[in-house]
Amino acid sequence: QVQLVESGGGLVQAGRSLTLSCAASGRTFDTSNMAWFRQAPGKEREFVALITWTGGITGYADSVKGRFTISRDNAKNTVYLQMNSLKPEDTAVYYCNTNPPGAIWGRGTQVTVSS
């Protein structure tokens, strides 16, 4: 089982950038497909981006395609989400998990984008 700790969130103005990190522990991280999800106030958690265990394949929600980039460093057991050209609608708590997601989630990291 993979344990997850997200970090890197904050308050930024629209158009700026942030990079989120997800530190994972557990024997199976380097063979696990990983993903980022987000949950905005009053909304359900939604998929943002995924990356295969080799890092060779990535995928994105239409709402972030071309602005966000997911990557991973298996030597550091870390998954990243580079977020550029942020919009107010990107405001949410961001979570990482395996893909498909496991039952246990981290605490997430808050991203707030002001207009």
C-alpha atoms as a PDB file:
ATOM      1  CA  GLN A   1       0.000   0.000   0.000  1.00  0.00           C
ATOM      2  CA  VAL A   2       1.201   3.521  -0.824  1.00  0.00           C
ATOM      3  CA  GLN A   3       1.051   6.348   1.736  1.00  0.00           C
ATOM      4  CA  LEU A   4       0.846   9.883   0.364  1.00  0.00           C
ATOM      5  CA  VAL A   5       1.766  13.418   1.495  1.00  0.00           C
ATOM      6  CA  GLU A   6       0.971  16.336  -0.784  1.00  0.00           C
ATOM      7  CA  SER A   7       2.658  19.750  -0.571  1.00  0.00           C
ATOM      8  CA  GLY A   8       3.365  22.907  -2.529  1.00  0.00           C
ATOM      9  CA  GLY A   9      -0.014  24.564  -2.561  1.00  0.00           C
ATOM     10  CA  GLY A  10      -0.621  28.208  -1.834  1.00  0.00           C
ATOM     11  CA  LEU A  11      -2.322  31.437  -2.812  1.00  0.00           C
ATOM     12  CA  VAL A  12      -1.376  32.822  -6.226  1.00  0.00           C
ATOM     13  CA  GLN A  13      -2.722  35.303  -8.713  1.00  0.00           C
ATOM     14  CA  ALA A  14      -4.292  34.166 -11.947  1.00  0.00           C
ATOM     15  CA  GLY A  15      -1.737  33.523 -14.647  1.00  0.00           C
ATOM     16  CA  ARG A  16       1.006  32.475 -12.236  1.00  0.00           C
ATOM     17  CA  SER A  17       2.478  29.024 -11.635  1.00  0.00           C
ATOM     18  CA  LEU A  18       2.782  26.484  -8.826  1.00  0.00           C
ATOM     19  CA  THR A  19       4.419  23.104  -8.546  1.00  0.00           C
ATOM     20  CA  LEU A  20       2.860  20.484  -6.307  1.00  0.00           C
ATOM     21  CA  SER A  21       4.720  17.509  -4.898  1.00  0.00           C
ATOM     22  CA  CYS A  22       3.463  14.186  -3.632  1.00  0.00           C
ATOM     23  CA  ALA A  23       5.816  12.172  -1.469  1.00  0.00           C
ATOM     24  CA  ALA A  24       4.872   8.527  -1.460  1.00  0.00           C
ATOM     25  CA  SER A  25       6.028   5.683   0.695  1.00  0.00           C
ATOM     26  CA  GLY A  26       5.436   2.019   0.253  1.00  0.00           C
ATOM     27  CA  ARG A  27       7.060  -0.818  -1.558  1.00  0.00           C
ATOM     28  CA  THR A  28       4.900  -0.572  -4.653  1.00  0.00           C
ATOM     29  CA  PHE A  29       5.315   3.117  -5.581  1.00  0.00           C
ATOM     30  CA  ASP A  30       7.717   2.580  -8.452  1.00  0.00           C
ATOM     31  CA  THR A  31       5.365   0.081 -10.060  1.00  0.00           C
ATOM     32  CA  SER A  32       2.203   2.103  -9.470  1.00  0.00           C
ATOM     33  CA  ASN A  33       0.466   4.348 -11.951  1.00  0.00           C
ATOM     34  CA  MET A  34      -0.165   7.656 -10.194  1.00  0.00           C
ATOM     35  CA  ALA A  35      -2.610  10.511 -10.605  1.00  0.00           C
ATOM     36  CA  TRP A  36      -3.564  13.916  -9.300  1.00  0.00           C
ATOM     37  CA  PHE A  37      -7.127  14.748  -8.346  1.00  0.00           C
ATOM     38  CA  ARG A  38      -8.764  17.897  -7.011  1.00  0.00           C
ATOM     39  CA  GLN A  39     -11.853  18.857  -5.087  1.00  0.00           C
ATOM     40  CA  ALA A  40     -13.297  22.353  -5.216  1.00  0.00           C
ATOM     41  CA  PRO A  41     -15.670  23.626  -2.520  1.00  0.00           C
ATOM     42  CA  GLY A  42     -19.104  22.116  -2.957  1.00  0.00           C
ATOM     43  CA  LYS A  43     -17.992  19.834  -5.772  1.00  0.00           C
ATOM     44  CA  GLU A  44     -17.009  16.216  -6.089  1.00  0.00           C
ATOM     45  CA  ARG A  45     -13.390  15.161  -6.374  1.00  0.00           C
ATOM     46  CA  GLU A  46     -12.287  15.070 -10.006  1.00  0.00           C
ATOM     47  CA  PHE A  47      -9.442  13.640 -12.017  1.00  0.00           C
ATOM     48  CA  VAL A  48      -6.687  16.053 -13.098  1.00  0.00           C
ATOM     49  CA  ALA A  49      -3.743  14.094 -14.512  1.00  0.00           C
ATOM     50  CA  LEU A  50      -2.185  10.632 -14.571  1.00  0.00           C
ATOM     51  CA  ILE A  51       1.210   9.116 -15.230  1.00  0.00           C
ATOM     52  CA  THR A  52       2.150   5.493 -15.741  1.00  0.00           C
ATOM     53  CA  TRP A  53       4.689   3.810 -13.499  1.00  0.00           C
ATOM     54  CA  THR A  54       7.443   4.213 -16.074  1.00  0.00           C
ATOM     55  CA  GLY A  55       6.509   7.826 -16.717  1.00  0.00           C
ATOM     56  CA  GLY A  56       6.121   7.015 -20.370  1.00  0.00           C
ATOM     57  CA  ILE A  57       2.450   7.862 -20.683  1.00  0.00           C
ATOM     58  CA  THR A  58       0.586  10.842 -19.262  1.00  0.00           C
ATOM     59  CA  GLY A  59      -2.989  11.980 -19.514  1.00  0.00           C
ATOM     60  CA  TYR A  60      -4.912  15.109 -18.550  1.00  0.00           C
ATOM     61  CA  ALA A  61      -8.388  16.382 -17.950  1.00  0.00           C
ATOM     62  CA  ASP A  62      -9.508  18.687 -20.738  1.00  0.00           C
ATOM     63  CA  SER A  63      -9.731  21.581 -18.295  1.00  0.00           C
ATOM     64  CA  VAL A  64      -5.974  21.494 -17.580  1.00  0.00           C
ATOM     65  CA  LYS A  65      -4.545  20.146 -20.825  1.00  0.00           C
ATOM     66  CA  GLY A  66      -1.754  22.366 -22.122  1.00  0.00           C
ATOM     67  CA  ARG A  67      -1.362  24.134 -18.762  1.00  0.00           C
ATOM     68  CA  PHE A  68      -0.470  21.343 -16.298  1.00  0.00           C
ATOM     69  CA  THR A  69       2.334  18.801 -16.520  1.00  0.00           C
ATOM     70  CA  ILE A  70       2.598  15.657 -14.405  1.00  0.00           C
ATOM     71  CA  SER A  71       5.947  13.986 -13.816  1.00  0.00           C
ATOM     72  CA  ARG A  72       7.556  11.567 -11.389  1.00  0.00           C
ATOM     73  CA  ASP A  73      10.924  10.685  -9.926  1.00  0.00           C
ATOM     74  CA  ASN A  74      10.871   7.050  -8.842  1.00  0.00           C
ATOM     75  CA  ALA A  75      14.265   7.407  -7.153  1.00  0.00           C
ATOM     76  CA  LYS A  76      12.685  10.004  -4.839  1.00  0.00           C
ATOM     77  CA  ASN A  77       9.265   8.329  -4.616  1.00  0.00           C
ATOM     78  CA  THR A  78       7.736  11.624  -5.677  1.00  0.00           C
ATOM     79  CA  VAL A  79       5.123  12.734  -8.171  1.00  0.00           C
ATOM     80  CA  TYR A  80       4.909  16.352  -9.311  1.00  0.00           C
ATOM     81  CA  LEU A  81       2.265  18.563 -10.873  1.00  0.00           C
ATOM     82  CA  GLN A  82       3.558  21.679 -12.605  1.00  0.00           C
ATOM     83  CA  MET A  83       0.660  24.104 -12.964  1.00  0.00           C
ATOM     84  CA  ASN A  84       1.032  27.061 -15.306  1.00  0.00           C
ATOM     85  CA  SER A  85      -1.378  29.802 -16.356  1.00  0.00           C
ATOM     86  CA  LEU A  86      -3.500  29.181 -13.287  1.00  0.00           C
ATOM     87  CA  LYS A  87      -7.129  30.251 -13.335  1.00  0.00           C
ATOM     88  CA  PRO A  88      -9.534  30.990 -10.468  1.00  0.00           C
ATOM     89  CA  GLU A  89     -11.429  27.820 -11.404  1.00  0.00           C
ATOM     90  CA  ASP A  90      -8.317  25.809 -10.541  1.00  0.00           C
ATOM     91  CA  THR A  91      -8.931  26.662  -6.878  1.00  0.00           C
ATOM     92  CA  ALA A  92      -9.289  23.366  -5.010  1.00  0.00           C
ATOM     93  CA  VAL A  93      -7.628  20.938  -2.651  1.00  0.00           C
ATOM     94  CA  TYR A  94      -5.266  18.800  -4.708  1.00  0.00           C
ATOM     95  CA  TYR A  95      -4.634  15.151  -3.913  1.00  0.00           C
ATOM     96  CA  CYS A  96      -2.454  12.465  -5.382  1.00  0.00           C
ATOM     97  CA  ASN A  97      -3.198   8.778  -5.367  1.00  0.00           C
ATOM     98  CA  THR A  98      -2.564   5.670  -7.315  1.00  0.00           C
ATOM     99  CA  ASN A  99      -4.542   5.214 -10.503  1.00  0.00           C
ATOM    100  CA  PRO A 100      -7.066   3.791 -10.035  1.00  0.00           C
ATOM    101  CA  PRO A 101      -7.139   5.415  -6.580  1.00  0.00           C
ATOM    102  CA  GLY A 102      -6.700   3.448  -3.391  1.00  0.00           C
ATOM    103  CA  ALA A 103      -9.052   3.714  -0.459  1.00  0.00           C
ATOM    104  CA  ILE A 104      -6.733   5.874   1.654  1.00  0.00           C
ATOM    105  CA  TRP A 105      -6.162   9.501   0.658  1.00  0.00           C
ATOM    106  CA  GLY A 106      -3.643  12.028   1.929  1.00  0.00           C
ATOM    107  CA  ARG A 107      -4.670  15.377   3.416  1.00  0.00           C
ATOM    108  CA  GLY A 108      -4.174  17.175   0.130  1.00  0.00           C
ATOM    109  CA  THR A 109      -2.733  20.631  -0.475  1.00  0.00           C
ATOM    110  CA  GLN A 110      -4.831  23.762  -0.941  1.00  0.00           C
ATOM    111  CA  VAL A 111      -4.428  25.796  -4.113  1.00  0.00           C
ATOM    112  CA  THR A 112      -6.172  29.151  -4.238  1.00  0.00           C
ATOM    113  CA  VAL A 113      -6.053  31.276  -7.381  1.00  0.00           C
ATOM    114  CA  SER A 114      -7.183  34.872  -7.101  1.00  0.00           C
ATOM    115  CA  SER A 115      -8.479  36.856 -10.041  1.00  0.00           C
END
